[in-house]
Every structure is written in C-alpha cells, then in structure tokens.
Amino acid sequence: MLGWALTFLVIALIAAVLGFGGIAGFAVEIAKIIFFVAIILFVISAVFALIRVVFRRVRALARIFDRARASCLP
C-alpha cells in the first residue's frame, strides 16, 4: 500500500515539474489518503499483534499454575 502512495507521489512530482498543476494536486491528495490508510492499518495490526502476544503469555502462565496446583493436590 505504501508502494501505491509512493507511486502517486512520483506522478505528482513529475506532473508538477511538467506544469500540470491539477493532475499534480490530485495525485498528491491520493498519495496522502493512501499513506494515512496504510498508517491506520499498521497501527490496527500492531495493536492486534500485541493483544495476541499478551493472551499467549497469559495462557502459558495459566498452564504453569494449573500444573503446579495439580501437583500439589493429593
């Protein structure tokens, strides 16, 4: 997705150099939108990955405590 943002940014730069102001502005806006969407998706993905890691560690600790409790019971 960031590749698309860079592509539209390059198109905007080339259009600006050649004097096509409207096309350059439009390409810059598309690049901005795609960039911010990519950032939002990255943050969501990072939060879900962090939640998954925390739950795995909690489950591992629960198993350890269950085994310890089971070994202490007569």
N, C-alpha and C. Protein backbone atom coordinates (compact mmCIF):
# COMPACT_ATOMS: atom_id res chain seq x y z
N MET A 1 0.82 -1.18 0.00
CA MET A 1 0.00 0.00 0.00
C MET A 1 0.87 1.26 0.00
N LEU A 2 1.98 1.19 0.73
CA LEU A 2 2.88 2.35 0.71
C LEU A 2 3.51 2.52 -0.67
N GLY A 3 3.64 1.42 -1.40
CA GLY A 3 4.16 1.49 -2.76
C GLY A 3 3.23 2.32 -3.65
N TRP A 4 1.92 2.14 -3.48
CA TRP A 4 0.96 2.94 -4.25
C TRP A 4 1.06 4.41 -3.87
N ALA A 5 1.23 4.68 -2.59
CA ALA A 5 1.37 6.07 -2.16
C ALA A 5 2.60 6.72 -2.79
N LEU A 6 3.70 5.97 -2.80
CA LEU A 6 4.92 6.49 -3.43
C LEU A 6 4.74 6.68 -4.92
N THR A 7 4.02 5.76 -5.56
CA THR A 7 3.77 5.88 -7.00
C THR A 7 3.00 7.16 -7.31
N PHE A 8 1.94 7.43 -6.55
CA PHE A 8 1.17 8.65 -6.79
C PHE A 8 1.98 9.89 -6.44
N LEU A 9 2.86 9.79 -5.47
CA LEU A 9 3.72 10.92 -5.13
C LEU A 9 4.69 11.23 -6.28
N VAL A 10 5.25 10.20 -6.87
CA VAL A 10 6.15 10.38 -8.02
C VAL A 10 5.38 10.97 -9.20
N ILE A 11 4.16 10.46 -9.44
CA ILE A 11 3.34 11.01 -10.52
C ILE A 11 3.08 12.49 -10.27
N ALA A 12 2.80 12.85 -9.02
CA ALA A 12 2.55 14.24 -8.69
C ALA A 12 3.78 15.10 -8.92
N LEU A 13 4.95 14.59 -8.53
CA LEU A 13 6.18 15.36 -8.74
C LEU A 13 6.47 15.57 -10.22
N ILE A 14 6.30 14.51 -11.00
CA ILE A 14 6.54 14.63 -12.45
C ILE A 14 5.55 15.60 -13.07
N ALA A 15 4.27 15.49 -12.68
CA ALA A 15 3.25 16.39 -13.23
C ALA A 15 3.52 17.83 -12.83
N ALA A 16 3.99 18.03 -11.61
CA ALA A 16 4.29 19.39 -11.16
C ALA A 16 5.45 19.99 -11.95
N VAL A 17 6.47 19.17 -12.21
CA VAL A 17 7.63 19.65 -12.98
C VAL A 17 7.21 20.01 -14.40
N LEU A 18 6.29 19.22 -14.97
CA LEU A 18 5.85 19.47 -16.35
C LEU A 18 4.78 20.55 -16.44
N GLY A 19 4.29 21.03 -15.29
CA GLY A 19 3.35 22.13 -15.32
C GLY A 19 1.89 21.73 -15.26
N PHE A 20 1.60 20.50 -14.99
CA PHE A 20 0.21 20.05 -14.89
C PHE A 20 -0.23 20.16 -13.44
N GLY A 21 -0.63 21.35 -13.04
CA GLY A 21 -0.96 21.62 -11.64
C GLY A 21 -2.14 20.81 -11.12
N GLY A 22 -3.19 20.70 -11.92
CA GLY A 22 -4.38 19.98 -11.47
C GLY A 22 -4.11 18.51 -11.25
N ILE A 23 -3.40 17.89 -12.17
CA ILE A 23 -3.08 16.47 -12.05
C ILE A 23 -2.14 16.24 -10.87
N ALA A 24 -1.20 17.15 -10.70
CA ALA A 24 -0.25 17.02 -9.59
C ALA A 24 -0.97 17.12 -8.25
N GLY A 25 -1.87 18.07 -8.13
CA GLY A 25 -2.62 18.22 -6.88
C GLY A 25 -3.48 17.00 -6.59
N PHE A 26 -4.12 16.47 -7.62
CA PHE A 26 -4.96 15.30 -7.46
C PHE A 26 -4.13 14.09 -7.04
N ALA A 27 -2.97 13.91 -7.66
CA ALA A 27 -2.10 12.78 -7.33
C ALA A 27 -1.55 12.91 -5.90
N VAL A 28 -1.26 14.12 -5.48
CA VAL A 28 -0.78 14.34 -4.11
C VAL A 28 -1.87 13.97 -3.11
N GLU A 29 -3.10 14.36 -3.39
CA GLU A 29 -4.21 14.03 -2.49
C GLU A 29 -4.41 12.52 -2.40
N ILE A 30 -4.33 11.83 -3.51
CA ILE A 30 -4.46 10.36 -3.50
C ILE A 30 -3.32 9.75 -2.69
N ALA A 31 -2.11 10.26 -2.89
CA ALA A 31 -0.96 9.74 -2.15
C ALA A 31 -1.14 9.95 -0.64
N LYS A 32 -1.67 11.11 -0.25
CA LYS A 32 -1.90 11.39 1.17
C LYS A 32 -2.93 10.42 1.75
N ILE A 33 -4.02 10.21 1.04
CA ILE A 33 -5.08 9.32 1.52
C ILE A 33 -4.55 7.90 1.68
N ILE A 34 -3.85 7.41 0.67
CA ILE A 34 -3.32 6.04 0.73
C ILE A 34 -2.30 5.92 1.86
N PHE A 35 -1.48 6.94 2.04
CA PHE A 35 -0.48 6.91 3.11
C PHE A 35 -1.15 6.82 4.48
N PHE A 36 -2.16 7.65 4.72
CA PHE A 36 -2.83 7.63 6.03
C PHE A 36 -3.61 6.34 6.25
N VAL A 37 -4.18 5.79 5.20
CA VAL A 37 -4.86 4.49 5.34
C VAL A 37 -3.84 3.42 5.72
N ALA A 38 -2.67 3.45 5.10
CA ALA A 38 -1.62 2.48 5.43
C ALA A 38 -1.16 2.63 6.87
N ILE A 39 -1.02 3.86 7.35
CA ILE A 39 -0.63 4.09 8.74
C ILE A 39 -1.69 3.57 9.70
N ILE A 40 -2.96 3.83 9.41
CA ILE A 40 -4.04 3.34 10.27
C ILE A 40 -4.06 1.82 10.30
N LEU A 41 -3.92 1.17 9.14
CA LEU A 41 -3.91 -0.29 9.10
C LEU A 41 -2.70 -0.85 9.85
N PHE A 42 -1.56 -0.17 9.78
CA PHE A 42 -0.39 -0.61 10.52
C PHE A 42 -0.63 -0.56 12.03
N VAL A 43 -1.23 0.53 12.49
CA VAL A 43 -1.49 0.68 13.92
C VAL A 43 -2.48 -0.39 14.40
N ILE A 44 -3.53 -0.63 13.63
CA ILE A 44 -4.50 -1.67 13.99
C ILE A 44 -3.83 -3.02 14.04
N SER A 45 -3.00 -3.32 13.06
CA SER A 45 -2.28 -4.60 13.03
C SER A 45 -1.35 -4.74 14.22
N ALA A 46 -0.65 -3.67 14.58
CA ALA A 46 0.26 -3.72 15.72
C ALA A 46 -0.49 -3.94 17.03
N VAL A 47 -1.65 -3.31 17.19
CA VAL A 47 -2.45 -3.49 18.40
C VAL A 47 -2.93 -4.94 18.51
N PHE A 48 -3.45 -5.50 17.42
CA PHE A 48 -3.91 -6.89 17.45
C PHE A 48 -2.76 -7.86 17.72
N ALA A 49 -1.59 -7.59 17.17
CA ALA A 49 -0.43 -8.45 17.43
C ALA A 49 -0.03 -8.38 18.89
N LEU A 50 -0.07 -7.20 19.47
CA LEU A 50 0.26 -7.04 20.88
C LEU A 50 -0.75 -7.77 21.77
N ILE A 51 -2.01 -7.66 21.43
CA ILE A 51 -3.05 -8.37 22.19
C ILE A 51 -2.84 -9.88 22.10
N ARG A 52 -2.51 -10.37 20.91
CA ARG A 52 -2.29 -11.81 20.72
C ARG A 52 -1.11 -12.29 21.55
N VAL A 53 -0.04 -11.53 21.60
CA VAL A 53 1.14 -11.91 22.40
C VAL A 53 0.81 -11.93 23.88
N VAL A 54 0.06 -10.94 24.34
CA VAL A 54 -0.30 -10.89 25.76
C VAL A 54 -1.16 -12.08 26.13
N PHE A 55 -2.15 -12.42 25.30
CA PHE A 55 -3.01 -13.56 25.60
C PHE A 55 -2.24 -14.87 25.58
N ARG A 56 -1.27 -15.01 24.68
CA ARG A 56 -0.45 -16.23 24.67
C ARG A 56 0.34 -16.37 25.96
N ARG A 57 0.89 -15.27 26.44
CA ARG A 57 1.66 -15.33 27.68
C ARG A 57 0.76 -15.61 28.88
N VAL A 58 -0.42 -15.04 28.88
CA VAL A 58 -1.36 -15.30 29.97
C VAL A 58 -1.77 -16.76 29.98
N ARG A 59 -2.05 -17.33 28.80
CA ARG A 59 -2.41 -18.75 28.73
C ARG A 59 -1.26 -19.63 29.18
N ALA A 60 -0.04 -19.27 28.81
CA ALA A 60 1.12 -20.06 29.23
C ALA A 60 1.28 -20.02 30.74
N LEU A 61 1.10 -18.86 31.35
CA LEU A 61 1.18 -18.75 32.80
C LEU A 61 0.06 -19.52 33.48
N ALA A 62 -1.13 -19.50 32.89
CA ALA A 62 -2.25 -20.25 33.46
C ALA A 62 -1.95 -21.74 33.45
N ARG A 63 -1.35 -22.24 32.35
CA ARG A 63 -0.99 -23.66 32.29
C ARG A 63 0.04 -24.01 33.35
N ILE A 64 1.01 -23.14 33.55
CA ILE A 64 2.04 -23.39 34.56
C ILE A 64 1.42 -23.46 35.95
N PHE A 65 0.52 -22.51 36.25
CA PHE A 65 -0.12 -22.52 37.56
C PHE A 65 -1.04 -23.73 37.74
N ASP A 66 -1.72 -24.14 36.67
CA ASP A 66 -2.57 -25.33 36.75
C ASP A 66 -1.75 -26.58 37.04
N ARG A 67 -0.61 -26.72 36.39
CA ARG A 67 0.26 -27.88 36.62
C ARG A 67 0.81 -27.87 38.04
N ALA A 68 1.17 -26.68 38.52
CA ALA A 68 1.71 -26.57 39.87
C ALA A 68 0.62 -26.92 40.89
N ARG A 69 -0.58 -26.45 40.66
CA ARG A 69 -1.68 -26.73 41.57
C ARG A 69 -2.04 -28.21 41.54
N ALA A 70 -2.02 -28.80 40.34
CA ALA A 70 -2.34 -30.23 40.22
C ALA A 70 -1.30 -31.09 40.90
N SER A 71 -0.05 -30.68 40.87
CA SER A 71 0.99 -31.48 41.50
C SER A 71 0.95 -31.37 43.03
N CYS A 72 0.34 -30.30 43.55
CA CYS A 72 0.25 -30.11 45.00
C CYS A 72 -0.96 -30.84 45.60
N LEU A 73 -1.94 -31.16 44.78
CA LEU A 73 -3.15 -31.83 45.30
C LEU A 73 -2.85 -33.29 45.58
N PRO A 74 -3.44 -33.83 46.63
CA PRO A 74 -3.19 -35.24 46.98
C PRO A 74 -3.87 -36.19 46.03
